[in-house]
Amino acid sequence: MAPPDRFADPETIRKVLDYVRTVAVVGLSPNPARPSHGVARYLQSRGLRVVPVNPNAPEVLGERSYPSL
């Protein structure tokens, strides 16, 4: 049996999201049907600033996109 992943613990995730105000989403797609788009849109709705990282999109969800980290 593998040890539990301490970063997947719901309490740890909650603490991180309470502290962090900006997140980079690597591979953020401008296509609303893609999971990355839905996740980023959800994070924005919760008040986080989302920084898209996608070399093929100049902008996603109203934010300037960057080609790499």
PDB file of N, CA and C in Angstrom:
ATOM      1  N   MET A   1       0.851  -1.185   0.000  1.00  0.00           N
ATOM      2  CA  MET A   1       0.000   0.000   0.000  1.00  0.00           C
ATOM      3  C   MET A   1       0.893   1.244   0.000  1.00  0.00           C
ATOM      4  N   ALA A   2       0.598   2.176  -0.895  1.00  0.00           N
ATOM      5  CA  ALA A   2       1.385   3.401  -1.015  1.00  0.00           C
ATOM      6  C   ALA A   2       1.055   4.343   0.145  1.00  0.00           C
ATOM      7  N   PRO A   3       2.032   5.138   0.578  1.00  0.00           N
ATOM      8  CA  PRO A   3       1.755   6.105   1.644  1.00  0.00           C
ATOM      9  C   PRO A   3       0.800   7.188   1.132  1.00  0.00           C
ATOM     10  N   PRO A   4       0.007   7.759   2.010  1.00  0.00           N
ATOM     11  CA  PRO A   4      -0.916   8.803   1.572  1.00  0.00           C
ATOM     12  C   PRO A   4      -0.156  10.018   1.051  1.00  0.00           C
ATOM     13  N   ASP A   5      -0.695  10.659   0.050  1.00  0.00           N
ATOM     14  CA  ASP A   5      -0.084  11.846  -0.521  1.00  0.00           C
ATOM     15  C   ASP A   5      -0.499  13.038   0.332  1.00  0.00           C
ATOM     16  N   ARG A   6       0.446  13.648   1.038  1.00  0.00           N
ATOM     17  CA  ARG A   6       0.106  14.732   1.955  1.00  0.00           C
ATOM     18  C   ARG A   6      -0.440  15.958   1.232  1.00  0.00           C
ATOM     19  N   PHE A   7      -0.152  16.086  -0.076  1.00  0.00           N
ATOM     20  CA  PHE A   7      -0.657  17.224  -0.825  1.00  0.00           C
ATOM     21  C   PHE A   7      -2.087  17.006  -1.318  1.00  0.00           C
ATOM     22  N   ALA A   8      -2.571  15.786  -1.273  1.00  0.00           N
ATOM     23  CA  ALA A   8      -3.944  15.490  -1.697  1.00  0.00           C
ATOM     24  C   ALA A   8      -4.920  15.538  -0.523  1.00  0.00           C
ATOM     25  N   ASP A   9      -4.411  15.727   0.669  1.00  0.00           N
ATOM     26  CA  ASP A   9      -5.252  15.816   1.851  1.00  0.00           C
ATOM     27  C   ASP A   9      -6.169  17.032   1.738  1.00  0.00           C
ATOM     28  N   PRO A  10      -7.479  16.857   1.887  1.00  0.00           N
ATOM     29  CA  PRO A  10      -8.407  17.988   1.733  1.00  0.00           C
ATOM     30  C   PRO A  10      -8.099  19.181   2.643  1.00  0.00           C
ATOM     31  N   GLU A  11      -7.652  18.918   3.832  1.00  0.00           N
ATOM     32  CA  GLU A  11      -7.325  20.018   4.752  1.00  0.00           C
ATOM     33  C   GLU A  11      -6.116  20.802   4.245  1.00  0.00           C
ATOM     34  N   THR A  12      -5.116  20.120   3.703  1.00  0.00           N
ATOM     35  CA  THR A  12      -3.950  20.803   3.137  1.00  0.00           C
ATOM     36  C   THR A  12      -4.356  21.649   1.940  1.00  0.00           C
ATOM     37  N   ILE A  13      -5.188  21.107   1.072  1.00  0.00           N
ATOM     38  CA  ILE A  13      -5.665  21.851  -0.096  1.00  0.00           C
ATOM     39  C   ILE A  13      -6.439  23.084   0.355  1.00  0.00           C
ATOM     40  N   ARG A  14      -7.281  22.948   1.343  1.00  0.00           N
ATOM     41  CA  ARG A  14      -8.060  24.079   1.865  1.00  0.00           C
ATOM     42  C   ARG A  14      -7.137  25.167   2.394  1.00  0.00           C
ATOM     43  N   LYS A  15      -6.105  24.780   3.146  1.00  0.00           N
ATOM     44  CA  LYS A  15      -5.166  25.761   3.695  1.00  0.00           C
ATOM     45  C   LYS A  15      -4.415  26.496   2.586  1.00  0.00           C
ATOM     46  N   VAL A  16      -3.992  25.759   1.563  1.00  0.00           N
ATOM     47  CA  VAL A  16      -3.281  26.379   0.448  1.00  0.00           C
ATOM     48  C   VAL A  16      -4.194  27.382  -0.258  1.00  0.00           C
ATOM     49  N   LEU A  17      -5.422  26.990  -0.537  1.00  0.00           N
ATOM     50  CA  LEU A  17      -6.344  27.884  -1.240  1.00  0.00           C
ATOM     51  C   LEU A  17      -6.761  29.085  -0.392  1.00  0.00           C
ATOM     52  N   ASP A  18      -6.692  28.972   0.910  1.00  0.00           N
ATOM     53  CA  ASP A  18      -6.959  30.123   1.776  1.00  0.00           C
ATOM     54  C   ASP A  18      -5.799  31.112   1.753  1.00  0.00           C
ATOM     55  N   TYR A  19      -4.597  30.621   1.490  1.00  0.00           N
ATOM     56  CA  TYR A  19      -3.383  31.442   1.541  1.00  0.00           C
ATOM     57  C   TYR A  19      -3.018  32.024   0.181  1.00  0.00           C
ATOM     58  N   VAL A  20      -3.148  31.238  -0.866  1.00  0.00           N
ATOM     59  CA  VAL A  20      -2.704  31.617  -2.202  1.00  0.00           C
ATOM     60  C   VAL A  20      -3.754  32.493  -2.870  1.00  0.00           C
ATOM     61  N   ARG A  21      -3.328  33.539  -3.569  1.00  0.00           N
ATOM     62  CA  ARG A  21      -4.247  34.421  -4.282  1.00  0.00           C
ATOM     63  C   ARG A  21      -4.028  34.379  -5.795  1.00  0.00           C
ATOM     64  N   THR A  22      -2.885  33.845  -6.242  1.00  0.00           N
ATOM     65  CA  THR A  22      -2.570  33.753  -7.672  1.00  0.00           C
ATOM     66  C   THR A  22      -2.066  32.354  -7.971  1.00  0.00           C
ATOM     67  N   VAL A  23      -2.587  31.762  -9.062  1.00  0.00           N
ATOM     68  CA  VAL A  23      -2.129  30.441  -9.485  1.00  0.00           C
ATOM     69  C   VAL A  23      -1.851  30.462 -10.982  1.00  0.00           C
ATOM     70  N   ALA A  24      -0.828  29.737 -11.399  1.00  0.00           N
ATOM     71  CA  ALA A  24      -0.549  29.530 -12.814  1.00  0.00           C
ATOM     72  C   ALA A  24      -1.162  28.189 -13.204  1.00  0.00           C
ATOM     73  N   VAL A  25      -1.867  28.176 -14.325  1.00  0.00           N
ATOM     74  CA  VAL A  25      -2.453  26.937 -14.817  1.00  0.00           C
ATOM     75  C   VAL A  25      -1.727  26.580 -16.107  1.00  0.00           C
ATOM     76  N   VAL A  26      -0.825  25.609 -15.993  1.00  0.00           N
ATOM     77  CA  VAL A  26      -0.032  25.180 -17.144  1.00  0.00           C
ATOM     78  C   VAL A  26      -0.913  24.351 -18.069  1.00  0.00           C
ATOM     79  N   GLY A  27      -0.935  24.743 -19.350  1.00  0.00           N
ATOM     80  CA  GLY A  27      -1.760  24.046 -20.328  1.00  0.00           C
ATOM     81  C   GLY A  27      -3.196  24.517 -20.346  1.00  0.00           C
ATOM     82  N   LEU A  28      -3.450  25.697 -19.789  1.00  0.00           N
ATOM     83  CA  LEU A  28      -4.818  26.212 -19.752  1.00  0.00           C
ATOM     84  C   LEU A  28      -5.333  26.419 -21.171  1.00  0.00           C
ATOM     85  N   SER A  29      -6.411  25.754 -21.488  1.00  0.00           N
ATOM     86  CA  SER A  29      -6.992  25.800 -22.829  1.00  0.00           C
ATOM     87  C   SER A  29      -8.040  26.901 -22.929  1.00  0.00           C
ATOM     88  N   PRO A  30      -8.093  27.600 -24.069  1.00  0.00           N
ATOM     89  CA  PRO A  30      -9.169  28.567 -24.276  1.00  0.00           C
ATOM     90  C   PRO A  30     -10.495  27.887 -24.627  1.00  0.00           C
ATOM     91  N   ASN A  31     -10.478  26.581 -24.817  1.00  0.00           N
ATOM     92  CA  ASN A  31     -11.672  25.810 -25.179  1.00  0.00           C
ATOM     93  C   ASN A  31     -12.477  25.493 -23.908  1.00  0.00           C
ATOM     94  N   PRO A  32     -13.691  26.034 -23.788  1.00  0.00           N
ATOM     95  CA  PRO A  32     -14.500  25.795 -22.590  1.00  0.00           C
ATOM     96  C   PRO A  32     -14.839  24.327 -22.322  1.00  0.00           C
ATOM     97  N   ALA A  33     -14.707  23.480 -23.322  1.00  0.00           N
ATOM     98  CA  ALA A  33     -15.007  22.059 -23.132  1.00  0.00           C
ATOM     99  C   ALA A  33     -13.865  21.303 -22.452  1.00  0.00           C
ATOM    100  N   ARG A  34     -12.705  21.920 -22.329  1.00  0.00           N
ATOM    101  CA  ARG A  34     -11.548  21.238 -21.736  1.00  0.00           C
ATOM    102  C   ARG A  34     -11.543  21.380 -20.209  1.00  0.00           C
ATOM    103  N   PRO A  35     -11.124  20.352 -19.513  1.00  0.00           N
ATOM    104  CA  PRO A  35     -11.107  20.409 -18.040  1.00  0.00           C
ATOM    105  C   PRO A  35     -10.278  21.566 -17.476  1.00  0.00           C
ATOM    106  N   SER A  36      -9.148  21.885 -18.093  1.00  0.00           N
ATOM    107  CA  SER A  36      -8.307  22.966 -17.572  1.00  0.00           C
ATOM    108  C   SER A  36      -9.070  24.292 -17.569  1.00  0.00           C
ATOM    109  N   HIS A  37      -9.900  24.512 -18.571  1.00  0.00           N
ATOM    110  CA  HIS A  37     -10.686  25.744 -18.654  1.00  0.00           C
ATOM    111  C   HIS A  37     -11.694  25.809 -17.502  1.00  0.00           C
ATOM    112  N   GLY A  38     -12.375  24.700 -17.264  1.00  0.00           N
ATOM    113  CA  GLY A  38     -13.352  24.658 -16.178  1.00  0.00           C
ATOM    114  C   GLY A  38     -12.723  24.860 -14.814  1.00  0.00           C
ATOM    115  N   VAL A  39     -11.573  24.250 -14.599  1.00  0.00           N
ATOM    116  CA  VAL A  39     -10.868  24.406 -13.316  1.00  0.00           C
ATOM    117  C   VAL A  39     -10.452  25.856 -13.125  1.00  0.00           C
ATOM    118  N   ALA A  40      -9.867  26.455 -14.160  1.00  0.00           N
ATOM    119  CA  ALA A  40      -9.420  27.842 -14.055  1.00  0.00           C
ATOM    120  C   ALA A  40     -10.599  28.787 -13.847  1.00  0.00           C
ATOM    121  N   ARG A  41     -11.689  28.560 -14.550  1.00  0.00           N
ATOM    122  CA  ARG A  41     -12.876  29.390 -14.397  1.00  0.00           C
ATOM    123  C   ARG A  41     -13.413  29.278 -12.956  1.00  0.00           C
ATOM    124  N   TYR A  42     -13.401  28.070 -12.412  1.00  0.00           N
ATOM    125  CA  TYR A  42     -13.839  27.873 -11.027  1.00  0.00           C
ATOM    126  C   TYR A  42     -12.937  28.653 -10.060  1.00  0.00           C
ATOM    127  N   LEU A  43     -11.618  28.554 -10.260  1.00  0.00           N
ATOM    128  CA  LEU A  43     -10.687  29.268  -9.383  1.00  0.00           C
ATOM    129  C   LEU A  43     -10.915  30.776  -9.463  1.00  0.00           C
ATOM    130  N   GLN A  44     -11.147  31.291 -10.671  1.00  0.00           N
ATOM    131  CA  GLN A  44     -11.453  32.715 -10.821  1.00  0.00           C
ATOM    132  C   GLN A  44     -12.731  33.072 -10.063  1.00  0.00           C
ATOM    133  N   SER A  45     -13.727  32.219 -10.143  1.00  0.00           N
ATOM    134  CA  SER A  45     -14.992  32.508  -9.470  1.00  0.00           C
ATOM    135  C   SER A  45     -14.838  32.534  -7.956  1.00  0.00           C
ATOM    136  N   ARG A  46     -13.791  31.900  -7.466  1.00  0.00           N
ATOM    137  CA  ARG A  46     -13.503  31.875  -6.025  1.00  0.00           C
ATOM    138  C   ARG A  46     -12.567  33.012  -5.615  1.00  0.00           C
ATOM    139  N   GLY A  47     -12.259  33.917  -6.573  1.00  0.00           N
ATOM    140  CA  GLY A  47     -11.471  35.103  -6.243  1.00  0.00           C
ATOM    141  C   GLY A  47      -9.977  34.993  -6.486  1.00  0.00           C
ATOM    142  N   LEU A  48      -9.525  33.886  -7.064  1.00  0.00           N
ATOM    143  CA  LEU A  48      -8.105  33.749  -7.333  1.00  0.00           C
ATOM    144  C   LEU A  48      -7.767  34.358  -8.689  1.00  0.00           C
ATOM    145  N   ARG A  49      -6.570  34.909  -8.807  1.00  0.00           N
ATOM    146  CA  ARG A  49      -6.071  35.365 -10.097  1.00  0.00           C
ATOM    147  C   ARG A  49      -5.448  34.163 -10.776  1.00  0.00           C
ATOM    148  N   VAL A  50      -5.867  33.897 -12.003  1.00  0.00           N
ATOM    149  CA  VAL A  50      -5.349  32.773 -12.778  1.00  0.00           C
ATOM    150  C   VAL A  50      -4.411  33.310 -13.852  1.00  0.00           C
ATOM    151  N   VAL A  51      -3.201  32.762 -13.897  1.00  0.00           N
ATOM    152  CA  VAL A  51      -2.231  33.121 -14.929  1.00  0.00           C
ATOM    153  C   VAL A  51      -2.142  31.943 -15.894  1.00  0.00           C
ATOM    154  N   PRO A  52      -2.670  32.119 -17.111  1.00  0.00           N
ATOM    155  CA  PRO A  52      -2.628  31.030 -18.096  1.00  0.00           C
ATOM    156  C   PRO A  52      -1.217  30.810 -18.626  1.00  0.00           C
ATOM    157  N   VAL A  53      -0.837  29.552 -18.798  1.00  0.00           N
ATOM    158  CA  VAL A  53       0.432  29.197 -19.421  1.00  0.00           C
ATOM    159  C   VAL A  53       0.093  28.299 -20.604  1.00  0.00           C
ATOM    160  N   ASN A  54       0.173  28.901 -21.803  1.00  0.00           N
ATOM    161  CA  ASN A  54      -0.152  28.182 -23.027  1.00  0.00           C
ATOM    162  C   ASN A  54       0.511  28.926 -24.186  1.00  0.00           C
ATOM    163  N   PRO A  55       1.486  28.310 -24.866  1.00  0.00           N
ATOM    164  CA  PRO A  55       2.201  29.006 -25.939  1.00  0.00           C
ATOM    165  C   PRO A  55       1.340  29.288 -27.170  1.00  0.00           C
ATOM    166  N   ASN A  56       0.175  28.678 -27.263  1.00  0.00           N
ATOM    167  CA  ASN A  56      -0.679  28.833 -28.446  1.00  0.00           C
ATOM    168  C   ASN A  56      -1.856  29.778 -28.242  1.00  0.00           C
ATOM    169  N   ALA A  57      -1.983  30.377 -27.076  1.00  0.00           N
ATOM    170  CA  ALA A  57      -3.116  31.262 -26.808  1.00  0.00           C
ATOM    171  C   ALA A  57      -2.606  32.580 -26.215  1.00  0.00           C
ATOM    172  N   PRO A  58      -2.905  33.707 -26.873  1.00  0.00           N
ATOM    173  CA  PRO A  58      -2.446  34.991 -26.332  1.00  0.00           C
ATOM    174  C   PRO A  58      -3.197  35.413 -25.067  1.00  0.00           C
ATOM    175  N   GLU A  59      -4.432  34.913 -24.917  1.00  0.00           N
ATOM    176  CA  GLU A  59      -5.255  35.277 -23.761  1.00  0.00           C
ATOM    177  C   GLU A  59      -6.253  34.159 -23.481  1.00  0.00           C
ATOM    178  N   VAL A  60      -6.492  33.902 -22.197  1.00  0.00           N
ATOM    179  CA  VAL A  60      -7.499  32.924 -21.792  1.00  0.00           C
ATOM    180  C   VAL A  60      -8.211  33.479 -20.560  1.00  0.00           C
ATOM    181  N   LEU A  61      -9.525  33.418 -20.589  1.00  0.00           N
ATOM    182  CA  LEU A  61     -10.363  33.885 -19.476  1.00  0.00           C
ATOM    183  C   LEU A  61     -10.055  35.325 -19.068  1.00  0.00           C
ATOM    184  N   GLY A  62      -9.731  36.150 -20.063  1.00  0.00           N
ATOM    185  CA  GLY A  62      -9.472  37.560 -19.801  1.00  0.00           C
ATOM    186  C   GLY A  62      -8.101  37.875 -19.250  1.00  0.00           C
ATOM    187  N   GLU A  63      -7.230  36.886 -19.166  1.00  0.00           N
ATOM    188  CA  GLU A  63      -5.876  37.085 -18.643  1.00  0.00           C
ATOM    189  C   GLU A  63      -4.853  36.839 -19.745  1.00  0.00           C
ATOM    190  N   ARG A  64      -3.797  37.629 -19.767  1.00  0.00           N
ATOM    191  CA  ARG A  64      -2.709  37.409 -20.711  1.00  0.00           C
ATOM    192  C   ARG A  64      -2.112  36.035 -20.459  1.00  0.00           C
ATOM    193  N   SER A  65      -1.874  35.302 -21.548  1.00  0.00           N
ATOM    194  CA  SER A  65      -1.292  33.967 -21.444  1.00  0.00           C
ATOM    195  C   SER A  65       0.203  34.044 -21.702  1.00  0.00           C
ATOM    196  N   TYR A  66       0.960  33.223 -21.014  1.00  0.00           N
ATOM    197  CA  TYR A  66       2.417  33.169 -21.158  1.00  0.00           C
ATOM    198  C   TYR A  66       2.805  31.856 -21.818  1.00  0.00           C
ATOM    199  N   PRO A  67       3.850  31.881 -22.648  1.00  0.00           N
ATOM    200  CA  PRO A  67       4.242  30.665 -23.356  1.00  0.00           C
ATOM    201  C   PRO A  67       4.899  29.611 -22.466  1.00  0.00           C
ATOM    202  N   SER A  68       5.474  30.031 -21.340  1.00  0.00           N
ATOM    203  CA  SER A  68       6.120  29.076 -20.428  1.00  0.00           C
ATOM    204  C   SER A  68       6.209  29.694 -19.045  1.00  0.00           C
ATOM    205  N   LEU A  69       6.555  28.875 -18.072  1.00  0.00           N
ATOM    206  CA  LEU A  69       6.759  29.396 -16.719  1.00  0.00           C
ATOM    207  C   LEU A  69       8.051  30.150 -16.667  1.00  0.00           C
TER     208      LEU A  69
END
